[in-house]
Structure formats: C-alpha cells, structure tokens
Amino acid sequence: MQGVNKVILIGNLGKDPEMRQLENERSKAGFTLATTDTHRDRDGKRVDYTEWHNVVSWNDGLNREVIMKYLHKGSRVYVEGQIRSRQYQDKENITRYITEIHIDQLTLLDTKPTGAMDGAVSNSAEEATPVTYAQQPEPDSLPF
C-alpha cells in the first residue's frame, strides 16, 4: 500500500514572494505562510500559536506566474501540496536541512475591490469568488 503525503493550509504570507534562479537553469517561486491556531489556556486567556511554512512552486507553469504577479505580504491563500524535506550546503559549507510545502493547488482568498473611486469600494459576489490555480501533473508522474 502506498502512503499519502497531502497538506492543506490556509494562511497569510509573511513577506512578498521571491523568485530564485538555480544553477541548473530551473527557478522556483516561494513564500513563507503563517497559520495561526487559537485556544484558551487554563485561566481562560486566549493564546495564539503561529506556525511558519516554507511554500514553493518548482513547476515552470502557472503557479509561479500567479505567485509573483498576485501575491504580496499579508495575502490570504489556500494551499494544497506535499511536504518535502531536503538538505543543502550553505556558503560556509555547512549542511542545512529544510522542510517545504510543494504546491499542487493554490487558491487566492483575498478579494480585490474594483471600481474603487474616492474611497468607495464595491463588493459584488463575483469579486468574492476565490481563484484557484492547479499544477498539472507531469506525464511521468501519473500513477497509471
């Protein structure tokens, strides 16, 4: 039986996304995503716990373009993907380990008001509809 590696996150970007060019002529778009869990402690006081996730898109298609064009610090997104851990050598030749979320599907949850003039904002149902972008699987990665 095969395992399942599926992650679903809803959160806010911690900073503007970055595009990095790699030695092998590939590039990746990435950003940090904050997810916050809230609960009450024994005294009834509200406690927030924020977890930070490194989210990346390695594909050469739509997700990278959407990330760089539409996302910015504070953007609210829904991400589906897989957890991947890897190691690399830093500039001082020290082995570092990193865990990343590789995007399969990205949905923008922010609504951008249109027709805003002199501070007036229009919020129609059409504007509130999230936009979803999904990575198409490469033919070699199909299970059949």
N, C-alpha and C. Protein backbone atom coordinates (compact mmCIF):
# COMPACT_ATOMS: atom_id res chain seq x y z
N MET A 1 0.84 -1.18 0.00
CA MET A 1 0.00 0.00 0.00
C MET A 1 0.88 1.24 0.00
N GLN A 2 0.53 2.20 -0.84
CA GLN A 2 1.27 3.45 -0.92
C GLN A 2 0.83 4.39 0.20
N GLY A 3 1.72 5.30 0.58
CA GLY A 3 1.39 6.29 1.58
C GLY A 3 0.75 7.51 0.95
N VAL A 4 0.32 8.42 1.80
CA VAL A 4 -0.30 9.67 1.37
C VAL A 4 0.48 10.83 1.95
N ASN A 5 0.84 11.76 1.12
CA ASN A 5 1.56 12.96 1.54
C ASN A 5 0.77 14.15 1.01
N LYS A 6 -0.16 14.65 1.80
CA LYS A 6 -1.04 15.74 1.38
C LYS A 6 -1.14 16.76 2.50
N VAL A 7 -0.94 18.02 2.16
CA VAL A 7 -1.00 19.12 3.12
C VAL A 7 -2.02 20.12 2.62
N ILE A 8 -2.87 20.60 3.53
CA ILE A 8 -3.82 21.67 3.22
C ILE A 8 -3.58 22.78 4.24
N LEU A 9 -3.31 23.99 3.74
CA LEU A 9 -3.04 25.13 4.61
C LEU A 9 -3.86 26.33 4.16
N ILE A 10 -4.34 27.11 5.13
CA ILE A 10 -4.94 28.41 4.86
C ILE A 10 -4.22 29.38 5.78
N GLY A 11 -3.65 30.41 5.19
CA GLY A 11 -2.91 31.36 6.00
C GLY A 11 -2.57 32.61 5.23
N ASN A 12 -1.67 33.40 5.82
CA ASN A 12 -1.27 34.69 5.25
C ASN A 12 0.23 34.69 4.97
N LEU A 13 0.61 35.33 3.85
CA LEU A 13 2.02 35.44 3.51
C LEU A 13 2.74 36.32 4.52
N GLY A 14 3.92 35.88 4.94
CA GLY A 14 4.72 36.63 5.90
C GLY A 14 5.55 37.72 5.26
N LYS A 15 5.84 37.57 3.97
CA LYS A 15 6.59 38.57 3.22
C LYS A 15 6.27 38.39 1.75
N ASP A 16 6.71 39.33 0.93
CA ASP A 16 6.48 39.22 -0.51
C ASP A 16 7.17 37.96 -1.04
N PRO A 17 6.56 37.31 -2.05
CA PRO A 17 7.19 36.11 -2.62
C PRO A 17 8.51 36.45 -3.32
N GLU A 18 9.35 35.43 -3.45
CA GLU A 18 10.64 35.61 -4.11
C GLU A 18 10.78 34.59 -5.22
N MET A 19 11.47 34.99 -6.29
CA MET A 19 11.79 34.09 -7.39
C MET A 19 13.30 33.88 -7.34
N ARG A 20 13.72 32.61 -7.40
CA ARG A 20 15.15 32.30 -7.36
C ARG A 20 15.52 31.48 -8.60
N GLN A 21 16.63 31.88 -9.22
CA GLN A 21 17.19 31.13 -10.34
C GLN A 21 18.23 30.17 -9.78
N LEU A 22 18.18 28.92 -10.20
CA LEU A 22 19.12 27.90 -9.72
C LEU A 22 20.15 27.60 -10.79
N GLU A 23 21.21 26.90 -10.39
CA GLU A 23 22.32 26.62 -11.31
C GLU A 23 21.88 25.84 -12.54
N ASN A 24 20.94 24.93 -12.37
CA ASN A 24 20.54 24.05 -13.46
C ASN A 24 19.48 24.69 -14.37
N GLU A 25 19.44 26.01 -14.41
CA GLU A 25 18.53 26.79 -15.25
C GLU A 25 17.06 26.62 -14.87
N ARG A 26 16.82 26.05 -13.71
CA ARG A 26 15.45 25.99 -13.18
C ARG A 26 15.28 27.15 -12.24
N SER A 27 14.05 27.48 -11.96
CA SER A 27 13.77 28.53 -11.00
C SER A 27 12.61 28.09 -10.12
N LYS A 28 12.48 28.77 -8.99
CA LYS A 28 11.37 28.46 -8.10
C LYS A 28 10.83 29.76 -7.52
N ALA A 29 9.53 29.77 -7.30
CA ALA A 29 8.89 30.88 -6.60
C ALA A 29 8.55 30.37 -5.21
N GLY A 30 8.75 31.20 -4.21
CA GLY A 30 8.46 30.75 -2.86
C GLY A 30 8.05 31.88 -1.95
N PHE A 31 7.42 31.49 -0.85
CA PHE A 31 7.00 32.47 0.16
C PHE A 31 6.83 31.75 1.49
N THR A 32 6.80 32.53 2.56
CA THR A 32 6.51 31.97 3.87
C THR A 32 5.03 32.19 4.16
N LEU A 33 4.41 31.18 4.74
CA LEU A 33 2.99 31.22 5.04
C LEU A 33 2.79 31.02 6.54
N ALA A 34 2.03 31.91 7.16
CA ALA A 34 1.74 31.81 8.59
C ALA A 34 0.35 31.24 8.78
N THR A 35 0.26 30.18 9.60
CA THR A 35 -1.04 29.65 10.01
C THR A 35 -1.12 29.82 11.52
N THR A 36 -2.24 30.31 12.00
CA THR A 36 -2.38 30.59 13.43
C THR A 36 -3.51 29.77 14.02
N ASP A 37 -3.22 29.14 15.15
CA ASP A 37 -4.19 28.36 15.91
C ASP A 37 -4.46 29.10 17.20
N THR A 38 -5.71 29.21 17.59
CA THR A 38 -6.09 29.92 18.81
C THR A 38 -6.80 28.96 19.76
N HIS A 39 -6.43 29.02 21.03
CA HIS A 39 -7.12 28.23 22.05
C HIS A 39 -7.09 29.00 23.36
N ARG A 40 -7.79 28.50 24.34
CA ARG A 40 -7.83 29.13 25.67
C ARG A 40 -6.98 28.30 26.62
N ASP A 41 -6.19 28.99 27.46
CA ASP A 41 -5.39 28.28 28.45
C ASP A 41 -6.24 27.98 29.68
N ARG A 42 -5.63 27.45 30.74
CA ARG A 42 -6.36 27.07 31.94
C ARG A 42 -7.07 28.24 32.61
N ASP A 43 -6.53 29.43 32.43
CA ASP A 43 -7.13 30.62 33.04
C ASP A 43 -8.18 31.27 32.15
N GLY A 44 -8.45 30.65 30.98
CA GLY A 44 -9.44 31.20 30.06
C GLY A 44 -8.88 32.29 29.17
N LYS A 45 -7.58 32.51 29.25
CA LYS A 45 -6.93 33.53 28.44
C LYS A 45 -6.68 33.00 27.03
N ARG A 46 -6.94 33.81 26.04
CA ARG A 46 -6.75 33.43 24.64
C ARG A 46 -5.25 33.36 24.32
N VAL A 47 -4.84 32.23 23.71
CA VAL A 47 -3.45 32.03 23.34
C VAL A 47 -3.38 31.72 21.85
N ASP A 48 -2.55 32.46 21.14
CA ASP A 48 -2.34 32.24 19.70
C ASP A 48 -1.02 31.53 19.50
N TYR A 49 -1.02 30.55 18.60
CA TYR A 49 0.21 29.87 18.23
C TYR A 49 0.33 29.95 16.71
N THR A 50 1.41 30.54 16.23
CA THR A 50 1.63 30.69 14.80
C THR A 50 2.72 29.75 14.33
N GLU A 51 2.42 29.00 13.30
CA GLU A 51 3.39 28.10 12.66
C GLU A 51 3.76 28.70 11.31
N TRP A 52 5.05 28.70 10.98
CA TRP A 52 5.52 29.24 9.70
C TRP A 52 5.88 28.10 8.77
N HIS A 53 5.47 28.21 7.51
CA HIS A 53 5.70 27.18 6.50
C HIS A 53 6.44 27.80 5.31
N ASN A 54 7.41 27.08 4.78
CA ASN A 54 8.09 27.47 3.55
C ASN A 54 7.33 26.83 2.40
N VAL A 55 6.77 27.65 1.52
CA VAL A 55 5.95 27.17 0.41
C VAL A 55 6.66 27.49 -0.89
N VAL A 56 6.77 26.50 -1.79
CA VAL A 56 7.48 26.71 -3.05
C VAL A 56 6.72 26.11 -4.23
N SER A 57 6.97 26.68 -5.39
CA SER A 57 6.45 26.15 -6.64
C SER A 57 7.63 25.96 -7.58
N TRP A 58 7.91 24.72 -7.93
CA TRP A 58 9.03 24.39 -8.80
C TRP A 58 8.62 24.28 -10.25
N ASN A 59 7.34 24.13 -10.51
CA ASN A 59 6.92 23.91 -11.90
C ASN A 59 7.19 25.15 -12.73
N ASP A 60 7.29 24.97 -14.02
CA ASP A 60 7.58 26.08 -14.91
C ASP A 60 6.30 26.71 -15.46
N GLY A 61 5.20 26.53 -14.77
CA GLY A 61 3.93 26.97 -15.32
C GLY A 61 3.23 28.03 -14.52
N LEU A 62 1.95 27.83 -14.42
CA LEU A 62 1.02 28.82 -13.92
C LEU A 62 1.24 29.27 -12.49
N ASN A 63 1.48 28.34 -11.56
CA ASN A 63 1.59 28.73 -10.16
C ASN A 63 2.65 29.80 -9.92
N ARG A 64 3.82 29.65 -10.52
CA ARG A 64 4.89 30.64 -10.31
C ARG A 64 4.47 32.01 -10.81
N GLU A 65 3.84 32.06 -11.98
CA GLU A 65 3.40 33.34 -12.54
C GLU A 65 2.36 33.99 -11.63
N VAL A 66 1.41 33.21 -11.14
CA VAL A 66 0.37 33.73 -10.26
C VAL A 66 0.98 34.23 -8.96
N ILE A 67 1.89 33.44 -8.39
CA ILE A 67 2.53 33.82 -7.13
C ILE A 67 3.22 35.17 -7.28
N MET A 68 4.01 35.33 -8.31
CA MET A 68 4.79 36.56 -8.47
C MET A 68 3.92 37.75 -8.85
N LYS A 69 2.83 37.52 -9.56
CA LYS A 69 2.00 38.62 -10.03
C LYS A 69 0.96 39.07 -9.01
N TYR A 70 0.34 38.14 -8.28
CA TYR A 70 -0.81 38.49 -7.47
C TYR A 70 -0.61 38.43 -5.96
N LEU A 71 0.44 37.76 -5.49
CA LEU A 71 0.61 37.63 -4.05
C LEU A 71 1.58 38.67 -3.50
N HIS A 72 1.33 39.07 -2.26
CA HIS A 72 2.20 40.02 -1.57
C HIS A 72 2.08 39.77 -0.08
N LYS A 73 2.91 40.43 0.69
CA LYS A 73 2.88 40.26 2.14
C LYS A 73 1.46 40.49 2.65
N GLY A 74 0.95 39.55 3.45
CA GLY A 74 -0.39 39.66 4.01
C GLY A 74 -1.48 38.98 3.20
N SER A 75 -1.19 38.59 1.95
CA SER A 75 -2.20 37.91 1.13
C SER A 75 -2.67 36.64 1.83
N ARG A 76 -3.98 36.38 1.73
CA ARG A 76 -4.56 35.18 2.32
C ARG A 76 -4.73 34.15 1.20
N VAL A 77 -4.20 32.93 1.42
CA VAL A 77 -4.24 31.90 0.40
C VAL A 77 -4.60 30.54 0.99
N TYR A 78 -5.12 29.69 0.13
CA TYR A 78 -5.36 28.28 0.41
C TYR A 78 -4.35 27.52 -0.43
N VAL A 79 -3.60 26.63 0.20
CA VAL A 79 -2.56 25.87 -0.49
C VAL A 79 -2.78 24.39 -0.26
N GLU A 80 -2.71 23.61 -1.32
CA GLU A 80 -2.65 22.15 -1.22
C GLU A 80 -1.32 21.73 -1.81
N GLY A 81 -0.68 20.78 -1.16
CA GLY A 81 0.61 20.33 -1.68
C GLY A 81 1.14 19.15 -0.93
N GLN A 82 2.44 18.97 -1.02
CA GLN A 82 3.13 17.86 -0.38
C GLN A 82 4.27 18.38 0.47
N ILE A 83 4.54 17.70 1.59
CA ILE A 83 5.68 18.03 2.43
C ILE A 83 6.91 17.38 1.82
N ARG A 84 7.96 18.16 1.66
CA ARG A 84 9.23 17.64 1.16
C ARG A 84 10.35 18.18 2.03
N SER A 85 11.24 17.30 2.45
CA SER A 85 12.41 17.70 3.22
C SER A 85 13.64 17.47 2.36
N ARG A 86 14.62 18.36 2.50
CA ARG A 86 15.86 18.22 1.73
C ARG A 86 17.01 18.82 2.53
N GLN A 87 18.20 18.54 2.07
CA GLN A 87 19.38 19.13 2.69
C GLN A 87 20.19 19.81 1.61
N TYR A 88 20.99 20.79 2.03
CA TYR A 88 21.85 21.53 1.09
C TYR A 88 23.06 22.06 1.84
N GLN A 89 24.07 22.47 1.09
CA GLN A 89 25.27 23.05 1.66
C GLN A 89 25.16 24.58 1.56
N ASP A 90 25.33 25.27 2.69
CA ASP A 90 25.28 26.73 2.64
C ASP A 90 26.64 27.29 2.20
N LYS A 91 26.79 28.62 2.22
CA LYS A 91 28.02 29.27 1.74
C LYS A 91 29.25 28.88 2.56
N GLU A 92 29.04 28.55 3.83
CA GLU A 92 30.14 28.14 4.70
C GLU A 92 30.36 26.63 4.66
N ASN A 93 29.72 25.95 3.70
CA ASN A 93 29.83 24.51 3.52
C ASN A 93 29.27 23.71 4.70
N ILE A 94 28.26 24.28 5.37
CA ILE A 94 27.58 23.61 6.46
C ILE A 94 26.31 22.98 5.90
N THR A 95 26.05 21.73 6.28
CA THR A 95 24.85 21.05 5.81
C THR A 95 23.63 21.59 6.55
N ARG A 96 22.66 22.06 5.80
CA ARG A 96 21.41 22.60 6.35
C ARG A 96 20.25 21.72 5.89
N TYR A 97 19.21 21.67 6.71
CA TYR A 97 18.02 20.89 6.40
C TYR A 97 16.83 21.84 6.34
N ILE A 98 15.94 21.58 5.40
CA ILE A 98 14.76 22.44 5.24
C ILE A 98 13.56 21.57 4.89
N THR A 99 12.40 21.97 5.39
CA THR A 99 11.14 21.31 5.05
C THR A 99 10.29 22.33 4.30
N GLU A 100 9.78 21.93 3.15
CA GLU A 100 9.00 22.83 2.30
C GLU A 100 7.67 22.19 1.93
N ILE A 101 6.72 23.03 1.59
CA ILE A 101 5.44 22.59 1.03
C ILE A 101 5.52 22.85 -0.47
N HIS A 102 5.46 21.79 -1.28
CA HIS A 102 5.46 21.94 -2.73
C HIS A 102 4.01 22.05 -3.21
N ILE A 103 3.71 23.15 -3.85
CA ILE A 103 2.33 23.48 -4.23
C ILE A 103 1.82 22.58 -5.35
N ASP A 104 0.62 22.02 -5.13
CA ASP A 104 -0.14 21.35 -6.18
C ASP A 104 -1.30 22.24 -6.62
N GLN A 105 -1.89 22.94 -5.64
CA GLN A 105 -3.04 23.80 -5.91
C GLN A 105 -2.92 25.05 -5.06
N LEU A 106 -3.26 26.19 -5.64
CA LEU A 106 -3.19 27.48 -4.97
C LEU A 106 -4.49 28.23 -5.23
N THR A 107 -5.14 28.69 -4.15
CA THR A 107 -6.36 29.47 -4.28
C THR A 107 -6.16 30.81 -3.59
N LEU A 108 -6.39 31.90 -4.32
CA LEU A 108 -6.29 33.23 -3.76
C LEU A 108 -7.57 33.52 -3.00
N LEU A 109 -7.46 33.86 -1.72
CA LEU A 109 -8.66 34.10 -0.91
C LEU A 109 -8.95 35.58 -0.70
N ASP A 110 -8.02 36.45 -1.06
CA ASP A 110 -8.27 37.88 -0.95
C ASP A 110 -9.24 38.32 -2.04
N THR A 111 -9.99 39.34 -1.75
CA THR A 111 -10.83 39.93 -2.78
C THR A 111 -10.27 41.30 -3.08
N LYS A 112 -10.15 41.60 -4.34
CA LYS A 112 -9.63 42.89 -4.75
C LYS A 112 -10.79 43.75 -5.20
N PRO A 113 -11.08 44.84 -4.46
CA PRO A 113 -12.19 45.69 -4.86
C PRO A 113 -11.93 46.34 -6.21
N THR A 114 -12.97 46.36 -7.04
CA THR A 114 -12.86 47.03 -8.33
C THR A 114 -13.80 48.22 -8.32
N GLY A 115 -13.53 49.16 -9.18
CA GLY A 115 -14.38 50.33 -9.27
C GLY A 115 -14.27 51.23 -8.06
N ALA A 116 -13.16 51.13 -7.34
CA ALA A 116 -12.98 51.96 -6.15
C ALA A 116 -12.50 53.34 -6.58
N MET A 117 -13.35 54.31 -6.35
CA MET A 117 -13.00 55.69 -6.65
C MET A 117 -13.31 56.53 -5.43
N ASP A 118 -12.38 57.40 -5.07
CA ASP A 118 -12.55 58.28 -3.91
C ASP A 118 -12.91 57.50 -2.65
N GLY A 119 -12.30 56.35 -2.49
CA GLY A 119 -12.53 55.57 -1.28
C GLY A 119 -13.76 54.69 -1.31
N ALA A 120 -14.60 54.78 -2.35
CA ALA A 120 -15.79 53.94 -2.42
C ALA A 120 -15.38 52.55 -2.89
N VAL A 121 -15.86 51.53 -2.21
CA VAL A 121 -15.50 50.15 -2.54
C VAL A 121 -16.75 49.39 -2.92
N SER A 122 -16.66 48.65 -4.01
CA SER A 122 -17.77 47.82 -4.46
C SER A 122 -17.43 46.37 -4.16
N ASN A 123 -18.29 45.65 -3.48
CA ASN A 123 -18.05 44.24 -3.17
C ASN A 123 -19.17 43.38 -3.73
N SER A 124 -19.05 42.97 -4.98
CA SER A 124 -20.06 42.10 -5.57
C SER A 124 -19.70 40.65 -5.28
N ALA A 125 -20.65 39.75 -5.48
CA ALA A 125 -20.42 38.33 -5.24
C ALA A 125 -19.33 37.80 -6.18
N GLU A 126 -19.26 38.34 -7.38
CA GLU A 126 -18.26 37.89 -8.34
C GLU A 126 -16.85 38.18 -7.84
N GLU A 127 -16.67 39.34 -7.20
CA GLU A 127 -15.34 39.72 -6.69
C GLU A 127 -14.92 38.83 -5.53
N ALA A 128 -15.86 38.28 -4.77
CA ALA A 128 -15.53 37.48 -3.60
C ALA A 128 -15.22 36.03 -3.93
N THR A 129 -15.35 35.65 -5.19
CA THR A 129 -15.09 34.28 -5.58
C THR A 129 -13.59 34.02 -5.62
N PRO A 130 -13.10 33.04 -4.85
CA PRO A 130 -11.68 32.73 -4.88
C PRO A 130 -11.27 32.20 -6.25
N VAL A 131 -10.03 32.45 -6.63
CA VAL A 131 -9.49 31.99 -7.89
C VAL A 131 -8.50 30.87 -7.59
N THR A 132 -8.68 29.71 -8.23
CA THR A 132 -7.84 28.55 -7.96
C THR A 132 -6.93 28.26 -9.15
N TYR A 133 -5.68 27.96 -8.85
CA TYR A 133 -4.70 27.57 -9.86
C TYR A 133 -4.13 26.23 -9.45
N ALA A 134 -4.17 25.26 -10.34
CA ALA A 134 -3.67 23.93 -10.02
C ALA A 134 -2.55 23.55 -10.97
N GLN A 135 -1.55 22.91 -10.43
CA GLN A 135 -0.45 22.41 -11.23
C GLN A 135 -0.89 21.14 -11.92
N GLN A 136 -0.64 21.05 -13.20
CA GLN A 136 -0.97 19.84 -13.95
C GLN A 136 0.15 18.84 -13.74
N PRO A 137 -0.16 17.58 -13.44
CA PRO A 137 0.88 16.58 -13.22
C PRO A 137 1.66 16.33 -14.51
N GLU A 138 2.95 16.11 -14.34
CA GLU A 138 3.76 15.76 -15.50
C GLU A 138 3.42 14.34 -15.90
N PRO A 139 3.44 14.03 -17.20
CA PRO A 139 3.04 12.69 -17.67
C PRO A 139 3.80 11.56 -16.98
N ASP A 140 5.06 11.75 -16.63
CA ASP A 140 5.86 10.70 -16.00
C ASP A 140 5.43 10.46 -14.54
N SER A 141 4.72 11.41 -13.93
CA SER A 141 4.36 11.25 -12.53
C SER A 141 2.96 10.67 -12.34
N LEU A 142 2.28 10.36 -13.41
CA LEU A 142 0.95 9.78 -13.31
C LEU A 142 1.05 8.35 -12.80
N PRO A 143 0.15 7.94 -11.90
CA PRO A 143 0.25 6.61 -11.30
C PRO A 143 -0.22 5.46 -12.19
N PHE A 144 -0.62 5.71 -13.41
CA PHE A 144 -1.10 4.64 -14.28
C PHE A 144 -0.47 4.73 -15.66
